[in-house]
Amino acid sequence: MKLAQALRFDDGGSCGEQELRSLALNQGDMARYQGKRIQVRAKVFCQENRTGSYHLSDIEVL
């Protein structure tokens, strides 16, 4: 998901500080929103074992 503006995240641990302009959506059934502008509420987490970057889960489309 592309962000309207860059966001800075820092878990104080393995992913460390990162400024991101996009986040991966770790939830099924998100393809239907591809190319559309949406607003979401979600939890941000560090996916250390695969990408070493931040991702979104528990996504709710508003």
PDB file of N, CA and C in Angstrom:
ATOM      1  N   MET A   1       0.851  -1.154   0.000  1.00  0.00           N
ATOM      2  CA  MET A   1       0.000   0.000   0.000  1.00  0.00           C
ATOM      3  C   MET A   1       0.903   1.225   0.000  1.00  0.00           C
ATOM      4  N   LYS A   2       0.675   2.133  -0.945  1.00  0.00           N
ATOM      5  CA  LYS A   2       1.431   3.382  -0.988  1.00  0.00           C
ATOM      6  C   LYS A   2       0.814   4.351   0.015  1.00  0.00           C
ATOM      7  N   LEU A   3       1.651   5.080   0.701  1.00  0.00           N
ATOM      8  CA  LEU A   3       1.199   6.040   1.705  1.00  0.00           C
ATOM      9  C   LEU A   3       1.147   7.443   1.117  1.00  0.00           C
ATOM     10  N   ALA A   4       0.198   8.246   1.576  1.00  0.00           N
ATOM     11  CA  ALA A   4       0.067   9.626   1.113  1.00  0.00           C
ATOM     12  C   ALA A   4       1.318  10.432   1.443  1.00  0.00           C
ATOM     13  N   GLN A   5       1.967  10.084   2.552  1.00  0.00           N
ATOM     14  CA  GLN A   5       3.221  10.724   2.939  1.00  0.00           C
ATOM     15  C   GLN A   5       4.057   9.694   3.682  1.00  0.00           C
ATOM     16  N   ALA A   6       5.352   9.867   3.668  1.00  0.00           N
ATOM     17  CA  ALA A   6       6.246   8.924   4.338  1.00  0.00           C
ATOM     18  C   ALA A   6       5.973   8.926   5.841  1.00  0.00           C
ATOM     19  N   LEU A   7       6.065   7.737   6.442  1.00  0.00           N
ATOM     20  CA  LEU A   7       5.901   7.583   7.884  1.00  0.00           C
ATOM     21  C   LEU A   7       7.156   6.942   8.454  1.00  0.00           C
ATOM     22  N   ARG A   8       7.516   7.330   9.667  1.00  0.00           N
ATOM     23  CA  ARG A   8       8.701   6.789  10.333  1.00  0.00           C
ATOM     24  C   ARG A   8       8.238   5.824  11.428  1.00  0.00           C
ATOM     25  N   PHE A   9       8.835   4.633  11.414  1.00  0.00           N
ATOM     26  CA  PHE A   9       8.543   3.612  12.410  1.00  0.00           C
ATOM     27  C   PHE A   9       9.837   3.224  13.106  1.00  0.00           C
ATOM     28  N   ASP A  10       9.736   2.848  14.389  1.00  0.00           N
ATOM     29  CA  ASP A  10      10.903   2.383  15.136  1.00  0.00           C
ATOM     30  C   ASP A  10      10.423   1.477  16.259  1.00  0.00           C
ATOM     31  N   ASP A  11      10.667   0.176  16.120  1.00  0.00           N
ATOM     32  CA  ASP A  11      10.246  -0.768  17.145  1.00  0.00           C
ATOM     33  C   ASP A  11      11.271  -0.891  18.268  1.00  0.00           C
ATOM     34  N   GLY A  12      12.387  -0.169  18.146  1.00  0.00           N
ATOM     35  CA  GLY A  12      13.419  -0.233  19.170  1.00  0.00           C
ATOM     36  C   GLY A  12      14.110  -1.585  19.195  1.00  0.00           C
ATOM     37  N   GLY A  13      13.879  -2.388  18.166  1.00  0.00           N
ATOM     38  CA  GLY A  13      14.452  -3.726  18.118  1.00  0.00           C
ATOM     39  C   GLY A  13      14.971  -4.080  16.753  1.00  0.00           C
ATOM     40  N   SER A  14      14.589  -5.255  16.282  1.00  0.00           N
ATOM     41  CA  SER A  14      15.167  -5.844  15.078  1.00  0.00           C
ATOM     42  C   SER A  14      14.937  -5.052  13.799  1.00  0.00           C
ATOM     43  N   CYS A  15      13.790  -4.437  13.613  1.00  0.00           N
ATOM     44  CA  CYS A  15      13.549  -3.659  12.391  1.00  0.00           C
ATOM     45  C   CYS A  15      14.152  -2.259  12.490  1.00  0.00           C
ATOM     46  N   GLY A  16      14.307  -1.778  13.711  1.00  0.00           N
ATOM     47  CA  GLY A  16      14.921  -0.474  13.901  1.00  0.00           C
ATOM     48  C   GLY A  16      14.114   0.656  13.291  1.00  0.00           C
ATOM     49  N   GLU A  17      14.764   1.787  13.090  1.00  0.00           N
ATOM     50  CA  GLU A  17      14.093   2.963  12.535  1.00  0.00           C
ATOM     51  C   GLU A  17      14.080   2.886  11.012  1.00  0.00           C
ATOM     52  N   GLN A  18      12.892   3.082  10.444  1.00  0.00           N
ATOM     53  CA  GLN A  18      12.732   3.085   9.000  1.00  0.00           C
ATOM     54  C   GLN A  18      11.704   4.139   8.630  1.00  0.00           C
ATOM     55  N   GLU A  19      11.966   4.844   7.537  1.00  0.00           N
ATOM     56  CA  GLU A  19      10.985   5.775   6.981  1.00  0.00           C
ATOM     57  C   GLU A  19      10.446   5.126   5.710  1.00  0.00           C
ATOM     58  N   LEU A  20       9.151   4.875   5.685  1.00  0.00           N
ATOM     59  CA  LEU A  20       8.549   4.132   4.588  1.00  0.00           C
ATOM     60  C   LEU A  20       7.526   4.958   3.828  1.00  0.00           C
ATOM     61  N   ARG A  21       7.461   4.725   2.534  1.00  0.00           N
ATOM     62  CA  ARG A  21       6.463   5.354   1.669  1.00  0.00           C
ATOM     63  C   ARG A  21       5.419   4.334   1.220  1.00  0.00           C
ATOM     64  N   SER A  22       5.634   3.068   1.604  1.00  0.00           N
ATOM     65  CA  SER A  22       4.652   2.014   1.323  1.00  0.00           C
ATOM     66  C   SER A  22       4.786   0.929   2.379  1.00  0.00           C
ATOM     67  N   LEU A  23       3.717   0.171   2.580  1.00  0.00           N
ATOM     68  CA  LEU A  23       3.691  -0.924   3.545  1.00  0.00           C
ATOM     69  C   LEU A  23       3.014  -2.126   2.913  1.00  0.00           C
ATOM     70  N   ALA A  24       3.522  -3.317   3.226  1.00  0.00           N
ATOM     71  CA  ALA A  24       2.914  -4.544   2.731  1.00  0.00           C
ATOM     72  C   ALA A  24       1.666  -4.864   3.545  1.00  0.00           C
ATOM     73  N   LEU A  25       0.643  -5.343   2.859  1.00  0.00           N
ATOM     74  CA  LEU A  25      -0.609  -5.731   3.511  1.00  0.00           C
ATOM     75  C   LEU A  25      -0.588  -7.234   3.738  1.00  0.00           C
ATOM     76  N   ASN A  26      -0.449  -7.657   4.983  1.00  0.00           N
ATOM     77  CA  ASN A  26      -0.397  -9.080   5.305  1.00  0.00           C
ATOM     78  C   ASN A  26      -1.783  -9.593   5.667  1.00  0.00           C
ATOM     79  N   GLN A  27      -2.639  -9.616   4.693  1.00  0.00           N
ATOM     80  CA  GLN A  27      -4.000 -10.085   4.910  1.00  0.00           C
ATOM     81  C   GLN A  27      -4.607 -10.437   3.554  1.00  0.00           C
ATOM     82  N   GLY A  28      -5.334 -11.532   3.515  1.00  0.00           N
ATOM     83  CA  GLY A  28      -5.979 -11.935   2.277  1.00  0.00           C
ATOM     84  C   GLY A  28      -7.094 -10.980   1.885  1.00  0.00           C
ATOM     85  N   ASP A  29      -7.549 -11.080   0.667  1.00  0.00           N
ATOM     86  CA  ASP A  29      -8.690 -10.318   0.161  1.00  0.00           C
ATOM     87  C   ASP A  29      -8.418  -8.819   0.013  1.00  0.00           C
ATOM     88  N   MET A  30      -7.163  -8.445  -0.140  1.00  0.00           N
ATOM     89  CA  MET A  30      -6.830  -7.030  -0.328  1.00  0.00           C
ATOM     90  C   MET A  30      -6.698  -6.675  -1.809  1.00  0.00           C
ATOM     91  N   ALA A  31      -6.591  -7.671  -2.674  1.00  0.00           N
ATOM     92  CA  ALA A  31      -6.388  -7.425  -4.109  1.00  0.00           C
ATOM     93  C   ALA A  31      -7.520  -6.600  -4.709  1.00  0.00           C
ATOM     94  N   ARG A  32      -8.710  -6.705  -4.171  1.00  0.00           N
ATOM     95  CA  ARG A  32      -9.846  -5.957  -4.735  1.00  0.00           C
ATOM     96  C   ARG A  32      -9.677  -4.447  -4.606  1.00  0.00           C
ATOM     97  N   TYR A  33      -8.768  -4.010  -3.747  1.00  0.00           N
ATOM     98  CA  TYR A  33      -8.533  -2.573  -3.550  1.00  0.00           C
ATOM     99  C   TYR A  33      -7.354  -2.064  -4.373  1.00  0.00           C
ATOM    100  N   GLN A  34      -6.710  -2.939  -5.122  1.00  0.00           N
ATOM    101  CA  GLN A  34      -5.540  -2.541  -5.899  1.00  0.00           C
ATOM    102  C   GLN A  34      -5.887  -1.397  -6.847  1.00  0.00           C
ATOM    103  N   GLY A  35      -5.079  -0.349  -6.805  1.00  0.00           N
ATOM    104  CA  GLY A  35      -5.271   0.801  -7.669  1.00  0.00           C
ATOM    105  C   GLY A  35      -6.306   1.794  -7.166  1.00  0.00           C
ATOM    106  N   LYS A  36      -6.932   1.510  -6.025  1.00  0.00           N
ATOM    107  CA  LYS A  36      -7.946   2.406  -5.461  1.00  0.00           C
ATOM    108  C   LYS A  36      -7.384   3.138  -4.255  1.00  0.00           C
ATOM    109  N   ARG A  37      -7.921   4.303  -4.004  1.00  0.00           N
ATOM    110  CA  ARG A  37      -7.550   5.063  -2.821  1.00  0.00           C
ATOM    111  C   ARG A  37      -8.492   4.654  -1.694  1.00  0.00           C
ATOM    112  N   ILE A  38      -7.900   4.147  -0.603  1.00  0.00           N
ATOM    113  CA  ILE A  38      -8.698   3.715   0.542  1.00  0.00           C
ATOM    114  C   ILE A  38      -8.082   4.247   1.827  1.00  0.00           C
ATOM    115  N   GLN A  39      -8.845   4.179   2.874  1.00  0.00           N
ATOM    116  CA  GLN A  39      -8.371   4.550   4.208  1.00  0.00           C
ATOM    117  C   GLN A  39      -8.475   3.295   5.054  1.00  0.00           C
ATOM    118  N   VAL A  40      -7.403   2.996   5.805  1.00  0.00           N
ATOM    119  CA  VAL A  40      -7.397   1.779   6.612  1.00  0.00           C
ATOM    120  C   VAL A  40      -7.023   2.070   8.056  1.00  0.00           C
ATOM    121  N   ARG A  41      -7.418   1.148   8.907  1.00  0.00           N
ATOM    122  CA  ARG A  41      -6.966   1.105  10.297  1.00  0.00           C
ATOM    123  C   ARG A  41      -6.315  -0.265  10.427  1.00  0.00           C
ATOM    124  N   ALA A  42      -5.075  -0.311  10.934  1.00  0.00           N
ATOM    125  CA  ALA A  42      -4.356  -1.575  10.994  1.00  0.00           C
ATOM    126  C   ALA A  42      -3.276  -1.528  12.072  1.00  0.00           C
ATOM    127  N   LYS A  43      -2.744  -2.701  12.361  1.00  0.00           N
ATOM    128  CA  LYS A  43      -1.610  -2.814  13.280  1.00  0.00           C
ATOM    129  C   LYS A  43      -0.336  -2.898  12.453  1.00  0.00           C
ATOM    130  N   VAL A  44       0.667  -2.164  12.866  1.00  0.00           N
ATOM    131  CA  VAL A  44       1.976  -2.195  12.212  1.00  0.00           C
ATOM    132  C   VAL A  44       2.868  -3.140  13.002  1.00  0.00           C
ATOM    133  N   PHE A  45       3.587  -4.011  12.288  1.00  0.00           N
ATOM    134  CA  PHE A  45       4.492  -4.922  12.982  1.00  0.00           C
ATOM    135  C   PHE A  45       5.751  -5.132  12.147  1.00  0.00           C
ATOM    136  N   CYS A  46       6.811  -5.543  12.821  1.00  0.00           N
ATOM    137  CA  CYS A  46       8.081  -5.845  12.169  1.00  0.00           C
ATOM    138  C   CYS A  46       8.062  -7.309  11.743  1.00  0.00           C
ATOM    139  N   GLN A  47       8.246  -7.561  10.461  1.00  0.00           N
ATOM    140  CA  GLN A  47       8.324  -8.941   9.977  1.00  0.00           C
ATOM    141  C   GLN A  47       9.798  -9.288   9.794  1.00  0.00           C
ATOM    142  N   GLU A  48      10.428  -9.526  10.914  1.00  0.00           N
ATOM    143  CA  GLU A  48      11.874  -9.741  10.975  1.00  0.00           C
ATOM    144  C   GLU A  48      12.318 -10.962  10.170  1.00  0.00           C
ATOM    145  N   ASN A  49      11.599 -12.057  10.256  1.00  0.00           N
ATOM    146  CA  ASN A  49      12.064 -13.316   9.664  1.00  0.00           C
ATOM    147  C   ASN A  49      12.004 -13.347   8.143  1.00  0.00           C
ATOM    148  N   ARG A  50      11.281 -12.459   7.493  1.00  0.00           N
ATOM    149  CA  ARG A  50      11.181 -12.483   6.022  1.00  0.00           C
ATOM    150  C   ARG A  50      11.788 -11.254   5.369  1.00  0.00           C
ATOM    151  N   THR A  51      11.367 -10.083   5.796  1.00  0.00           N
ATOM    152  CA  THR A  51      11.786  -8.874   5.080  1.00  0.00           C
ATOM    153  C   THR A  51      12.616  -7.907   5.910  1.00  0.00           C
ATOM    154  N   GLY A  52      12.521  -7.997   7.229  1.00  0.00           N
ATOM    155  CA  GLY A  52      13.214  -7.032   8.075  1.00  0.00           C
ATOM    156  C   GLY A  52      12.612  -5.651   7.970  1.00  0.00           C
ATOM    157  N   SER A  53      11.325  -5.600   7.591  1.00  0.00           N
ATOM    158  CA  SER A  53      10.638  -4.333   7.408  1.00  0.00           C
ATOM    159  C   SER A  53       9.272  -4.386   8.083  1.00  0.00           C
ATOM    160  N   TYR A  54       8.607  -3.261   8.080  1.00  0.00           N
ATOM    161  CA  TYR A  54       7.293  -3.152   8.711  1.00  0.00           C
ATOM    162  C   TYR A  54       6.176  -3.519   7.740  1.00  0.00           C
ATOM    163  N   HIS A  55       5.142  -4.128   8.263  1.00  0.00           N
ATOM    164  CA  HIS A  55       3.984  -4.572   7.486  1.00  0.00           C
ATOM    165  C   HIS A  55       2.722  -4.219   8.265  1.00  0.00           C
ATOM    166  N   LEU A  56       1.575  -4.349   7.616  1.00  0.00           N
ATOM    167  CA  LEU A  56       0.289  -4.122   8.260  1.00  0.00           C
ATOM    168  C   LEU A  56      -0.454  -5.432   8.424  1.00  0.00           C
ATOM    169  N   SER A  57      -1.148  -5.586   9.541  1.00  0.00           N
ATOM    170  CA  SER A  57      -2.026  -6.737   9.761  1.00  0.00           C
ATOM    171  C   SER A  57      -3.291  -6.255  10.458  1.00  0.00           C
ATOM    172  N   ASP A  58      -4.243  -7.160  10.642  1.00  0.00           N
ATOM    173  CA  ASP A  58      -5.538  -6.820  11.257  1.00  0.00           C
ATOM    174  C   ASP A  58      -6.141  -5.596  10.586  1.00  0.00           C
ATOM    175  N   ILE A  59      -6.179  -5.613   9.266  1.00  0.00           N
ATOM    176  CA  ILE A  59      -6.562  -4.459   8.458  1.00  0.00           C
ATOM    177  C   ILE A  59      -8.075  -4.306   8.397  1.00  0.00           C
ATOM    178  N   GLU A  60      -8.520  -3.085   8.650  1.00  0.00           N
ATOM    179  CA  GLU A  60      -9.944  -2.732   8.541  1.00  0.00           C
ATOM    180  C   GLU A  60     -10.031  -1.588   7.544  1.00  0.00           C
ATOM    181  N   VAL A  61     -10.780  -1.795   6.462  1.00  0.00           N
ATOM    182  CA  VAL A  61     -10.983  -0.736   5.472  1.00  0.00           C
ATOM    183  C   VAL A  61     -12.119   0.142   5.976  1.00  0.00           C
ATOM    184  N   LEU A  62     -11.855   1.438   6.062  1.00  0.00           N
ATOM    185  CA  LEU A  62     -12.849   2.382   6.600  1.00  0.00           C
ATOM    186  C   LEU A  62     -13.730   2.946   5.514  1.00  0.00           C
TER     187      LEU A  62
END
